[in-house]
Amino acid sequence: MSQIDPNHFTAALKALLHETFYKVDGHFLDRGDSLFETLAQVSAAEASLPVGGRCATLAAQVKHT
């Protein structure tokens, strides 16, 4: 069994994490669906609304201010 080049693996992992949190590059998310892009569209008032009976607010989940 051959090993993956650590530099290749690290670069791919960084690209996927960047897309997950910062900006979509087309690896696995649709445009505008990264975590921070999604949260940027939510106002503080919206984030403070409870979403369910026992669920914390979005603000509580992400420490949104």
Protein backbone atom coordinates (compact mmCIF):
# COMPACT_ATOMS: atom_id res chain seq x y z
CA MET A 1 0.00 0.00 0.00
CA SER A 2 1.45 3.35 -0.99
CA GLN A 3 1.26 6.46 1.16
CA ILE A 4 -0.22 9.80 0.22
CA ASP A 5 2.30 12.61 -0.08
CA PRO A 6 1.79 14.65 3.13
CA ASN A 7 2.11 17.95 1.23
CA HIS A 8 -0.59 16.91 -1.26
CA PHE A 9 -2.89 15.74 1.55
CA THR A 10 -2.34 18.92 3.58
CA ALA A 11 -3.04 21.17 0.59
CA ALA A 12 -6.26 19.29 -0.22
CA LEU A 13 -7.42 19.39 3.40
CA LYS A 14 -6.73 23.13 3.64
CA ALA A 15 -8.74 23.72 0.45
CA LEU A 16 -11.71 21.77 1.82
CA LEU A 17 -11.61 23.54 5.19
CA HIS A 18 -11.33 26.91 3.46
CA GLU A 19 -14.45 26.11 1.45
CA THR A 20 -16.29 24.87 4.55
CA PHE A 21 -15.74 28.06 6.52
CA TYR A 22 -14.74 30.95 4.25
CA LYS A 23 -15.52 30.87 0.55
CA VAL A 24 -16.87 28.29 -1.87
CA ASP A 25 -14.42 27.16 -4.52
CA GLY A 26 -16.69 24.46 -5.96
CA HIS A 27 -15.25 21.38 -4.26
CA PHE A 28 -18.42 20.31 -2.46
CA LEU A 29 -20.62 23.32 -1.59
CA ASP A 30 -22.86 25.50 -3.70
CA ARG A 31 -21.88 29.15 -4.14
CA GLY A 32 -22.56 31.24 -1.02
CA ASP A 33 -23.00 28.22 1.26
CA SER A 34 -19.83 28.38 3.34
CA LEU A 35 -20.40 28.79 7.07
CA PHE A 36 -19.24 32.40 7.32
CA GLU A 37 -21.03 33.42 4.10
CA THR A 38 -24.23 31.92 5.49
CA LEU A 39 -23.85 33.57 8.90
CA ALA A 40 -23.14 36.96 7.30
CA GLN A 41 -26.71 36.95 5.98
CA VAL A 42 -28.23 36.50 9.45
CA SER A 43 -28.89 39.59 11.55
CA ALA A 44 -28.21 39.63 15.28
CA ALA A 45 -31.97 39.81 15.90
CA GLU A 46 -32.60 36.74 13.74
CA ALA A 47 -29.75 34.85 15.38
CA SER A 48 -31.26 35.55 18.80
CA LEU A 49 -34.61 33.91 17.99
CA PRO A 50 -35.12 30.44 19.45
CA VAL A 51 -35.44 27.80 16.75
CA GLY A 52 -37.12 25.11 18.79
CA GLY A 53 -38.27 24.06 22.22
CA ARG A 54 -34.98 22.76 23.59
CA CYS A 55 -32.55 24.18 21.05
CA ALA A 56 -30.18 27.03 21.76
CA THR A 57 -30.40 30.10 19.55
CA LEU A 58 -28.08 30.40 16.57
CA ALA A 59 -26.28 33.19 18.44
CA ALA A 60 -25.64 30.88 21.37
CA GLN A 61 -24.39 28.15 19.05
CA VAL A 62 -21.80 30.34 17.31
CA LYS A 63 -21.24 32.99 20.03
CA HIS A 64 -22.61 35.57 17.58
CA THR A 65 -22.48 39.19 18.73
